[in-house]
Amino acid sequence: MREAKLCDYSGVKGCLNYLPNGYAIWENIQSDLDKRFKDTGVENVYLPVLIPESLLQKEKDHIEGFAPEVAWVTHGGAEPLQERFCIRPTSETLFCDVWSKTVQSYRDLPKVWNQWCSVLRWEKTTRPFLRSREFLWQEGHTIHATYEEAEERTKLMWKVYKDFVEENTCDSGCCRKKNKKVKNLAGAQDTYTIEALMHDGQALQSATSHFFGNSFPDAFDIKYADKNNELHSVYETSWGLSTRIIGAIIMVHGDDSGLVLPPRIAPVQTRVIPIAQHKEGVLDKANELLDALNKAGYRAKIDDSEKSPGWKFSEQEMLGIPTRIEIGPKDIENGQVVVVRRDTREKIVVAIDEITTKLGEILETIQADLYAKAKAFLDDHISSAVTMDEMKDAVSEKKGFVKAMWCGDEACEDEIKAQTGGVTSRCIPMEEEHLSDVCVCCGKPAKHMVYWGRAY
């Protein structure tokens, strides 16, 4: 990540400096995802970074879930504050506070809001992108008049994430409902997740959509009057995706030479590299090519430094730029360029007058191939187990997910984790397979088929 200039450590332990290359990836993710949100009726807002302690205490389950990770502001300048403020770890309480003051009638519903911001969680063990103390994300929060509307929105936003991840980041994972024991947000009734599988066989939770029911709104006394002027509770959802997705992109697609970025979210889609640029006309032609590519809508740059071509090739590969275009005296003479794919290193000769069309085709092929490769890796690393011995063998012999039946008892999940060295339930598919009638651990009647695996 340092060599690719994505990020570096800051003066605060566990907090990152997002460098231009890394932040540009986030900007591309944000731009695409924000449009998808707005296509479903989402409106953007921005709420404060500080939350009064009294406000946070209104939802006790919520604060208890985040208590170990909360950072507190106790002074304003040199003066002690009368009340502590926490730096937001998440913003459910802030959104509910706003709605408690503004929602009165059925005409005020639904509220479908999202904010792009950072949050702070005082993690003990941090890893760049995967688990940092301050990280960038979006957090969507909605309230609805009925249970059914809120549940529909929860599933809709999960579908938005699933489509975005598959179409843009080319990650592939198990995308289903989570077991209640491993839901990551205190107070959620149901959670829908995307569990992407990394090359080391561990899962990375990449996006979540939570259905809260009315526990949060009731704690803040959010009621609305219907057409008959009768008061009712509202139902809430919350959903988010963070810069952790950049960690997933790095681990799913990268290789020993550096990053491999999917073209749709790559800050630079192609880099023009002039060969023998000291010879007359080469740099002029390379810059002419660059202008044509930029005018055609590509994110293109040129490396006209005095470094050797081999050095330039290695740097382009380290940065994960999806393609490079080599152009030298012989290429100019033949009216062609050589396009080199970052993912396969395949060299493709393209006529100069066709490059603005052909490059788009090559980039789309790379995009599709990266997803196909990730999907094939996932499919090849899912095992099945009917007995505990089979599960332990699957975990020790083959990295990835294991499908197995579960009775629904948390004690069994704890026992599976103990016997397998840290494997936990990752998600319950919406369309469950029937592998057997009994739980893989205790032998009692099974309730669900679960994907099990180790996770970051």
Protein backbone atom coordinates (compact mmCIF):
# COMPACT_ATOMS: atom_id res chain seq x y z
CA MET A 1 0.00 0.00 0.00
CA ARG A 2 2.90 2.33 0.66
CA GLU A 3 4.60 1.51 -2.66
CA ALA A 4 1.32 2.11 -4.48
CA LYS A 5 0.89 5.38 -2.57
CA LEU A 6 -2.56 4.48 -1.25
CA CYS A 7 -2.08 5.40 2.39
CA ASP A 8 0.42 5.71 5.18
CA TYR A 9 0.40 5.89 8.96
CA SER A 10 -0.36 9.22 10.60
CA GLY A 11 0.83 10.64 13.91
CA VAL A 12 -2.21 9.08 15.62
CA LYS A 13 -1.93 5.33 16.13
CA GLY A 14 -4.52 3.46 14.09
CA CYS A 15 -5.44 6.45 11.91
CA LEU A 16 -4.42 6.68 8.26
CA ASN A 17 -3.29 9.38 5.90
CA TYR A 18 -5.27 8.67 2.73
CA LEU A 19 -2.92 9.60 -0.11
CA PRO A 20 -4.11 10.76 -3.57
CA ASN A 21 -4.09 7.28 -5.16
CA GLY A 22 -6.05 5.75 -2.29
CA TYR A 23 -8.49 8.60 -1.90
CA ALA A 24 -9.15 8.66 -5.66
CA ILE A 25 -10.34 5.04 -5.45
CA TRP A 26 -12.73 6.08 -2.67
CA GLU A 27 -13.96 9.03 -4.74
CA ASN A 28 -14.81 6.71 -7.64
CA ILE A 29 -16.60 4.32 -5.28
CA GLN A 30 -18.47 7.23 -3.72
CA SER A 31 -19.49 8.71 -7.06
CA ASP A 32 -20.96 5.47 -8.41
CA LEU A 33 -22.60 4.37 -5.17
CA ASP A 34 -24.11 7.79 -4.49
CA LYS A 35 -25.87 7.72 -7.86
CA ARG A 36 -27.24 4.26 -7.12
CA PHE A 37 -28.55 5.49 -3.78
CA LYS A 38 -30.26 8.51 -5.28
CA ASP A 39 -31.87 6.33 -7.96
CA THR A 40 -33.72 4.63 -5.10
CA GLY A 41 -34.89 7.91 -3.55
CA VAL A 42 -32.09 8.50 -1.04
CA GLU A 43 -31.29 12.09 0.02
CA ASN A 44 -27.91 13.14 1.44
CA VAL A 45 -27.53 15.02 4.72
CA TYR A 46 -24.72 15.77 7.14
CA LEU A 47 -25.04 15.56 10.94
CA PRO A 48 -22.52 16.59 13.63
CA VAL A 49 -19.42 14.61 14.55
CA LEU A 50 -20.15 15.02 18.29
CA ILE A 51 -22.91 13.20 20.18
CA PRO A 52 -23.94 14.28 23.71
CA GLU A 53 -23.63 11.46 26.24
CA SER A 54 -27.25 11.96 27.37
CA LEU A 55 -28.41 11.42 23.80
CA LEU A 56 -26.34 8.29 23.39
CA GLN A 57 -27.71 6.87 26.64
CA LYS A 58 -31.26 6.91 25.26
CA GLU A 59 -30.51 3.64 23.47
CA LYS A 60 -28.75 1.54 26.13
CA ASP A 61 -28.21 -1.58 23.99
CA HIS A 62 -26.61 0.58 21.33
CA ILE A 63 -24.17 2.36 23.64
CA GLU A 64 -23.26 -0.89 25.40
CA GLY A 65 -22.31 -2.39 22.05
CA PHE A 66 -20.01 0.52 21.23
CA ALA A 67 -18.81 1.49 24.72
CA PRO A 68 -15.32 -0.05 24.48
CA GLU A 69 -14.67 1.80 21.19
CA VAL A 70 -16.00 5.26 22.06
CA ALA A 71 -13.65 8.25 22.21
CA TRP A 72 -14.83 11.07 24.47
CA VAL A 73 -14.37 14.84 24.30
CA THR A 74 -14.20 16.19 27.86
CA HIS A 75 -12.81 19.72 27.38
CA GLY A 76 -13.65 22.69 25.20
CA GLY A 77 -10.42 24.61 25.02
CA ALA A 78 -9.14 24.74 28.61
CA GLU A 79 -12.59 24.42 30.20
CA PRO A 80 -14.10 21.09 31.32
CA LEU A 81 -17.42 20.40 29.60
CA GLN A 82 -20.56 20.01 31.69
CA GLU A 83 -21.42 16.96 29.59
CA ARG A 84 -19.12 14.63 27.69
CA PHE A 85 -19.43 14.31 23.93
CA CYS A 86 -18.52 11.17 22.07
CA ILE A 87 -16.95 11.32 18.62
CA ARG A 88 -19.46 9.46 16.49
CA PRO A 89 -18.83 5.73 16.14
CA THR A 90 -22.10 5.65 14.14
CA SER A 91 -25.03 8.03 13.96
CA GLU A 92 -28.31 6.23 14.72
CA THR A 93 -28.89 8.41 17.79
CA LEU A 94 -28.28 11.64 15.87
CA PHE A 95 -30.72 10.70 13.12
CA CYS A 96 -33.36 9.63 15.63
CA ASP A 97 -32.93 12.88 17.53
CA VAL A 98 -33.63 14.88 14.36
CA TRP A 99 -36.66 12.79 13.46
CA SER A 100 -38.10 12.96 16.98
CA LYS A 101 -38.38 16.73 16.49
CA THR A 102 -39.54 16.80 12.86
CA VAL A 103 -41.72 13.73 12.19
CA GLN A 104 -45.33 14.17 13.27
CA SER A 105 -47.61 12.97 10.48
CA TYR A 106 -47.76 10.15 7.96
CA ARG A 107 -47.11 12.92 5.42
CA ASP A 108 -43.57 13.25 6.87
CA LEU A 109 -42.71 9.64 6.00
CA PRO A 110 -40.65 7.95 4.82
CA LYS A 111 -37.31 9.57 5.62
CA VAL A 112 -34.60 8.04 3.44
CA TRP A 113 -31.34 9.75 4.33
CA ASN A 114 -27.63 9.06 3.93
CA GLN A 115 -24.45 10.81 4.95
CA TRP A 116 -20.87 10.50 3.68
CA CYS A 117 -18.55 11.05 6.61
CA SER A 118 -15.91 9.51 8.85
CA VAL A 119 -16.41 7.73 12.17
CA LEU A 120 -14.04 6.99 15.04
CA ARG A 121 -13.85 3.69 16.90
CA TRP A 122 -11.00 3.18 19.35
CA GLU A 123 -9.95 -0.25 18.07
CA LYS A 124 -7.19 -2.03 19.98
CA THR A 125 -5.78 -3.88 16.97
CA THR A 126 -5.71 -1.99 13.69
CA ARG A 127 -4.84 -2.81 10.07
CA PRO A 128 -4.81 -0.29 7.22
CA PHE A 129 -8.17 -0.21 5.43
CA LEU A 130 -9.42 -3.35 7.18
CA ARG A 131 -9.73 -1.97 10.70
CA SER A 132 -8.56 1.56 11.44
CA ARG A 133 -9.70 3.85 14.22
CA GLU A 134 -10.98 6.57 11.95
CA PHE A 135 -12.37 5.43 8.63
CA LEU A 136 -14.43 6.86 5.81
CA TRP A 137 -17.85 5.47 5.02
CA GLN A 138 -21.43 6.22 4.18
CA GLU A 139 -24.20 5.51 6.64
CA GLY A 140 -27.76 5.40 5.45
CA HIS A 141 -30.64 5.73 7.90
CA THR A 142 -34.34 5.51 7.12
CA ILE A 143 -37.68 5.41 8.94
CA HIS A 144 -40.96 4.09 7.57
CA ALA A 145 -44.60 3.88 8.51
CA THR A 146 -44.80 0.08 8.30
CA TYR A 147 -42.73 -2.96 9.07
CA GLU A 148 -43.05 -4.13 5.48
CA GLU A 149 -41.73 -0.86 4.01
CA ALA A 150 -38.70 -0.89 6.29
CA GLU A 151 -37.94 -4.53 5.57
CA GLU A 152 -38.24 -3.86 1.84
CA ARG A 153 -35.78 -0.94 2.12
CA THR A 154 -33.32 -3.11 4.09
CA LYS A 155 -33.31 -5.72 1.35
CA LEU A 156 -33.21 -3.09 -1.40
CA MET A 157 -30.04 -1.47 -0.04
CA TRP A 158 -28.40 -4.88 0.36
CA LYS A 159 -29.20 -5.47 -3.32
CA VAL A 160 -27.66 -2.08 -4.22
CA TYR A 161 -24.46 -3.08 -2.43
CA LYS A 162 -24.41 -6.53 -4.02
CA ASP A 163 -24.79 -5.10 -7.53
CA PHE A 164 -22.18 -2.42 -6.90
CA VAL A 165 -19.61 -4.86 -5.49
CA GLU A 166 -20.03 -7.34 -8.33
CA GLU A 167 -20.18 -4.77 -11.12
CA ASN A 168 -17.48 -2.36 -9.95
CA THR A 169 -15.06 -3.91 -7.46
CA CYS A 170 -15.36 -7.39 -9.04
CA ASP A 171 -15.36 -8.99 -5.58
CA SER A 172 -17.41 -12.14 -5.08
CA GLY A 173 -18.77 -13.42 -1.81
CA CYS A 174 -21.64 -15.00 0.07
CA CYS A 175 -24.34 -12.35 0.20
CA ARG A 176 -27.10 -13.27 2.59
CA LYS A 177 -28.72 -12.81 6.00
CA LYS A 178 -26.43 -12.96 9.02
CA ASN A 179 -26.85 -15.13 12.07
CA LYS A 180 -28.08 -12.92 14.92
CA LYS A 181 -25.06 -13.82 17.07
CA VAL A 182 -22.61 -12.30 14.60
CA LYS A 183 -24.58 -9.17 13.65
CA ASN A 184 -22.13 -6.33 14.00
CA LEU A 185 -24.45 -3.53 15.13
CA ALA A 186 -26.09 -3.54 18.53
CA GLY A 187 -29.87 -3.26 18.36
CA ALA A 188 -30.36 -4.73 14.89
CA GLN A 189 -33.09 -7.35 14.45
CA ASP A 190 -31.91 -8.59 11.06
CA THR A 191 -28.73 -7.94 9.12
CA TYR A 192 -28.03 -8.62 5.44
CA THR A 193 -24.37 -8.85 4.59
CA ILE A 194 -21.80 -9.30 1.85
CA GLU A 195 -19.04 -11.64 3.01
CA ALA A 196 -16.25 -11.40 0.43
CA LEU A 197 -13.68 -14.21 0.34
CA MET A 198 -10.04 -13.16 0.36
CA HIS A 199 -7.18 -15.13 -1.22
CA ASP A 200 -6.05 -16.42 2.17
CA GLY A 201 -9.46 -18.03 2.64
CA GLN A 202 -10.75 -15.57 5.23
CA ALA A 203 -14.00 -13.65 4.91
CA LEU A 204 -14.19 -9.87 4.95
CA GLN A 205 -17.50 -8.24 5.74
CA SER A 206 -17.76 -5.67 2.97
CA ALA A 207 -21.21 -4.10 3.39
CA THR A 208 -24.23 -4.50 5.67
CA SER A 209 -27.88 -3.50 5.70
CA HIS A 210 -29.68 -3.61 9.06
CA PHE A 211 -33.37 -3.80 9.94
CA PHE A 212 -33.92 -2.27 13.39
CA GLY A 213 -37.66 -2.61 13.77
CA ASN A 214 -38.92 0.10 16.12
CA SER A 215 -36.55 -0.29 19.09
CA PHE A 216 -34.53 2.81 18.23
CA PRO A 217 -37.47 5.04 17.27
CA ASP A 218 -39.43 4.06 20.39
CA ALA A 219 -36.42 4.94 22.57
CA PHE A 220 -36.56 8.43 21.05
CA ASP A 221 -40.38 8.57 21.12
CA ILE A 222 -40.72 8.98 17.35
CA LYS A 223 -44.42 8.66 16.55
CA TYR A 224 -46.54 9.66 13.60
CA ALA A 225 -50.25 10.38 13.31
CA ASP A 226 -52.07 8.44 10.60
CA LYS A 227 -55.04 9.69 8.54
CA ASN A 228 -57.32 8.99 11.49
CA ASN A 229 -55.03 10.96 13.80
CA GLU A 230 -53.96 7.81 15.65
CA LEU A 231 -50.33 7.57 16.79
CA HIS A 232 -48.04 4.80 15.59
CA SER A 233 -44.41 3.78 15.93
CA VAL A 234 -42.06 4.00 12.96
CA TYR A 235 -39.66 1.33 11.70
CA GLU A 236 -35.98 2.02 11.07
CA THR A 237 -33.18 0.73 8.84
CA SER A 238 -29.45 1.45 8.69
CA TRP A 239 -26.91 0.45 6.04
CA GLY A 240 -23.26 1.17 5.33
CA LEU A 241 -20.14 0.54 3.25
CA SER A 242 -16.69 1.84 4.22
CA THR A 243 -13.12 2.17 2.98
CA ARG A 244 -12.72 -1.43 4.12
CA ILE A 245 -13.91 -2.27 0.58
CA ILE A 246 -10.54 -0.94 -0.67
CA GLY A 247 -8.84 -3.56 1.48
CA ALA A 248 -11.03 -6.19 -0.15
CA ILE A 249 -10.06 -4.97 -3.63
CA ILE A 250 -6.37 -5.15 -2.73
CA MET A 251 -6.57 -8.67 -1.31
CA VAL A 252 -8.93 -10.19 -3.88
CA HIS A 253 -7.17 -8.97 -7.03
CA GLY A 254 -3.59 -8.00 -6.10
CA ASP A 255 -0.54 -10.10 -6.95
CA ASP A 256 3.19 -10.14 -6.14
CA SER A 257 3.79 -7.21 -8.49
CA GLY A 258 1.33 -4.90 -6.75
CA LEU A 259 -2.26 -3.79 -7.15
CA VAL A 260 -4.70 -5.02 -9.77
CA LEU A 261 -7.54 -2.50 -9.92
CA PRO A 262 -10.86 -3.07 -11.68
CA PRO A 263 -11.12 -0.47 -14.47
CA ARG A 264 -14.40 1.05 -13.30
CA ILE A 265 -12.97 2.23 -9.98
CA ALA A 266 -9.31 2.68 -10.99
CA PRO A 267 -8.18 6.32 -10.65
CA VAL A 268 -6.17 5.91 -13.87
CA GLN A 269 -7.45 3.43 -16.46
CA THR A 270 -4.46 3.57 -18.78
CA ARG A 271 -0.96 5.01 -18.75
CA VAL A 272 0.73 5.98 -21.99
CA ILE A 273 4.40 5.00 -21.97
CA PRO A 274 6.55 6.38 -24.81
CA ILE A 275 9.38 4.07 -25.87
CA ALA A 276 12.68 5.68 -26.95
CA GLN A 277 11.10 9.00 -26.16
CA HIS A 278 14.35 10.83 -26.92
CA LYS A 279 13.79 10.16 -30.61
CA GLU A 280 12.11 12.83 -32.67
CA GLY A 281 8.32 12.78 -32.78
CA VAL A 282 7.77 10.08 -30.11
CA LEU A 283 6.76 12.38 -27.26
CA ASP A 284 4.62 14.49 -29.56
CA LYS A 285 2.74 11.41 -30.76
CA ALA A 286 2.39 10.07 -27.22
CA ASN A 287 0.87 13.33 -26.01
CA GLU A 288 -1.42 13.44 -29.03
CA LEU A 289 -2.58 9.95 -28.07
CA LEU A 290 -3.08 11.06 -24.46
CA ASP A 291 -5.25 13.99 -25.55
CA ALA A 292 -7.40 11.72 -27.71
CA LEU A 293 -7.93 9.28 -24.85
CA ASN A 294 -8.88 11.98 -22.36
CA LYS A 295 -11.29 13.57 -24.84
CA ALA A 296 -12.87 10.15 -25.35
CA GLY A 297 -13.62 10.00 -21.62
CA TYR A 298 -10.89 7.71 -20.36
CA ARG A 299 -8.93 8.43 -17.20
CA ALA A 300 -5.51 8.48 -18.86
CA LYS A 301 -2.05 9.75 -17.93
CA ILE A 302 1.41 9.67 -19.47
CA ASP A 303 4.77 8.69 -18.01
CA ASP A 304 7.23 10.92 -19.82
CA SER A 305 9.83 10.80 -17.05
CA GLU A 306 13.43 9.92 -17.81
CA LYS A 307 13.14 6.52 -16.13
CA SER A 308 13.79 3.40 -18.20
CA PRO A 309 10.79 1.69 -19.86
CA GLY A 310 11.23 -1.35 -17.59
CA TRP A 311 11.01 0.88 -14.50
CA LYS A 312 7.90 2.55 -15.89
CA PHE A 313 6.29 -0.83 -16.57
CA SER A 314 6.97 -1.99 -13.00
CA GLU A 315 5.58 1.22 -11.55
CA GLN A 316 2.41 0.95 -13.64
CA GLU A 317 1.95 -2.62 -12.40
CA MET A 318 2.58 -1.65 -8.77
CA LEU A 319 -0.08 1.07 -9.03
CA GLY A 320 -2.57 -1.40 -10.48
CA ILE A 321 -3.36 0.70 -13.55
CA PRO A 322 -5.50 -1.68 -15.66
CA THR A 323 -3.65 -1.06 -18.95
CA ARG A 324 -0.56 0.61 -20.32
CA ILE A 325 -0.16 1.76 -23.89
CA GLU A 326 3.34 1.46 -25.32
CA ILE A 327 4.20 3.65 -28.29
CA GLY A 328 7.62 3.89 -29.92
CA PRO A 329 9.20 4.76 -33.27
CA LYS A 330 8.30 1.44 -34.91
CA ASP A 331 4.73 1.65 -33.60
CA ILE A 332 4.34 5.14 -35.03
CA GLU A 333 5.75 3.96 -38.34
CA ASN A 334 3.23 1.10 -38.41
CA GLY A 335 0.32 3.26 -37.23
CA GLN A 336 -0.23 1.16 -34.11
CA VAL A 337 0.21 0.96 -30.35
CA VAL A 338 0.65 -1.97 -27.97
CA VAL A 339 -1.91 -2.26 -25.14
CA VAL A 340 -0.75 -4.39 -22.21
CA ARG A 341 -3.30 -5.74 -19.72
CA ARG A 342 -2.30 -5.47 -16.05
CA ASP A 343 -4.20 -8.59 -14.98
CA THR A 344 -2.86 -11.06 -17.57
CA ARG A 345 0.03 -9.05 -19.09
CA GLU A 346 -1.38 -9.92 -22.52
CA LYS A 347 -0.08 -7.64 -25.27
CA ILE A 348 -2.65 -6.43 -27.79
CA VAL A 349 -1.67 -4.57 -30.97
CA VAL A 350 -4.21 -1.88 -31.83
CA ALA A 351 -4.30 0.57 -34.73
CA ILE A 352 -3.84 4.15 -33.51
CA ASP A 353 -7.01 5.32 -35.23
CA GLU A 354 -9.00 2.57 -33.42
CA ILE A 355 -7.53 2.95 -29.92
CA THR A 356 -10.30 5.13 -28.48
CA THR A 357 -12.82 2.41 -29.30
CA LYS A 358 -10.73 -0.71 -28.70
CA LEU A 359 -9.45 0.45 -25.29
CA GLY A 360 -13.00 0.54 -23.95
CA GLU A 361 -13.55 -3.03 -25.13
CA ILE A 362 -10.32 -4.16 -23.48
CA LEU A 363 -11.21 -2.46 -20.18
CA GLU A 364 -14.66 -4.07 -20.13
CA THR A 365 -13.08 -7.45 -20.81
CA ILE A 366 -10.69 -6.93 -17.89
CA GLN A 367 -13.62 -5.95 -15.66
CA ALA A 368 -15.55 -9.09 -16.58
CA ASP A 369 -12.50 -11.35 -16.29
CA LEU A 370 -11.61 -10.08 -12.82
CA TYR A 371 -15.11 -10.84 -11.56
CA ALA A 372 -15.13 -14.26 -13.22
CA LYS A 373 -11.78 -15.08 -11.61
CA ALA A 374 -12.97 -13.99 -8.17
CA LYS A 375 -16.24 -15.92 -8.57
CA ALA A 376 -14.38 -19.06 -9.65
CA PHE A 377 -12.09 -18.76 -6.62
CA LEU A 378 -15.11 -18.45 -4.32
CA ASP A 379 -16.92 -21.41 -5.89
CA ASP A 380 -13.77 -23.53 -5.62
CA HIS A 381 -13.38 -22.72 -1.93
CA ILE A 382 -16.80 -23.70 -0.60
CA SER A 383 -16.98 -27.11 1.07
CA SER A 384 -19.84 -29.00 2.71
CA ALA A 385 -19.90 -30.85 6.01
CA VAL A 386 -22.52 -33.01 7.67
CA THR A 387 -20.56 -34.06 10.75
CA MET A 388 -18.19 -32.24 13.07
CA ASP A 389 -15.28 -34.37 11.86
CA GLU A 390 -16.06 -33.41 8.26
CA MET A 391 -16.15 -29.74 9.24
CA LYS A 392 -12.79 -29.90 11.01
CA ASP A 393 -11.27 -31.71 8.04
CA ALA A 394 -12.68 -29.12 5.62
CA VAL A 395 -11.35 -26.25 7.71
CA SER A 396 -7.86 -27.73 8.03
CA GLU A 397 -7.49 -29.03 4.47
CA LYS A 398 -9.13 -26.33 2.35
CA LYS A 399 -9.33 -22.61 3.03
CA GLY A 400 -12.64 -20.83 2.45
CA PHE A 401 -16.26 -21.35 3.51
CA VAL A 402 -17.88 -24.52 4.82
CA LYS A 403 -21.61 -25.14 4.41
CA ALA A 404 -23.16 -26.97 7.34
CA MET A 405 -26.48 -27.28 9.15
CA TRP A 406 -27.10 -25.54 12.49
CA CYS A 407 -29.73 -25.92 15.18
CA GLY A 408 -29.82 -22.22 16.03
CA ASP A 409 -28.32 -22.64 19.51
CA GLU A 410 -25.54 -20.16 20.24
CA ALA A 411 -23.84 -22.76 22.43
CA CYS A 412 -23.29 -24.89 19.34
CA GLU A 413 -21.74 -21.97 17.50
CA ASP A 414 -19.38 -21.42 20.44
CA GLU A 415 -18.46 -25.10 20.39
CA ILE A 416 -17.83 -25.05 16.62
CA LYS A 417 -15.58 -22.02 17.07
CA ALA A 418 -13.64 -23.77 19.84
CA GLN A 419 -13.20 -27.05 17.93
CA THR A 420 -12.20 -25.43 14.63
CA GLY A 421 -9.82 -22.79 15.92
CA GLY A 422 -11.89 -19.69 15.29
CA VAL A 423 -14.45 -20.54 12.61
CA THR A 424 -17.73 -18.64 13.05
CA SER A 425 -21.03 -18.41 11.21
CA ARG A 426 -20.76 -15.84 8.44
CA CYS A 427 -24.25 -15.80 6.94
CA ILE A 428 -27.44 -17.75 6.33
CA PRO A 429 -28.42 -17.94 2.64
CA MET A 430 -31.88 -16.65 1.77
CA GLU A 431 -32.36 -19.82 -0.25
CA GLU A 432 -30.98 -22.47 2.08
CA GLU A 433 -29.77 -25.85 0.93
CA HIS A 434 -30.81 -28.93 2.89
CA LEU A 435 -27.62 -30.85 3.64
CA SER A 436 -29.02 -32.98 6.47
CA ASP A 437 -31.75 -33.00 9.12
CA VAL A 438 -29.47 -32.43 12.10
CA CYS A 439 -27.03 -29.84 13.42
CA VAL A 440 -23.41 -30.44 12.47
CA CYS A 441 -22.39 -29.96 16.10
CA CYS A 442 -24.99 -31.36 18.51
CA GLY A 443 -27.09 -33.65 16.31
CA LYS A 444 -30.35 -31.93 17.25
CA PRO A 445 -32.86 -30.96 14.52
CA ALA A 446 -31.36 -28.31 12.23
CA LYS A 447 -32.99 -24.95 11.57
CA HIS A 448 -30.61 -23.36 9.05
CA MET A 449 -27.87 -24.06 6.56
CA VAL A 450 -25.01 -21.69 7.38
CA TYR A 451 -21.82 -20.58 5.69
CA TRP A 452 -19.00 -20.94 8.24
CA GLY A 453 -15.51 -19.51 7.99
CA ARG A 454 -12.72 -17.48 9.54
CA ALA A 455 -12.96 -13.71 9.16
CA TYR A 456 -10.98 -10.51 9.52
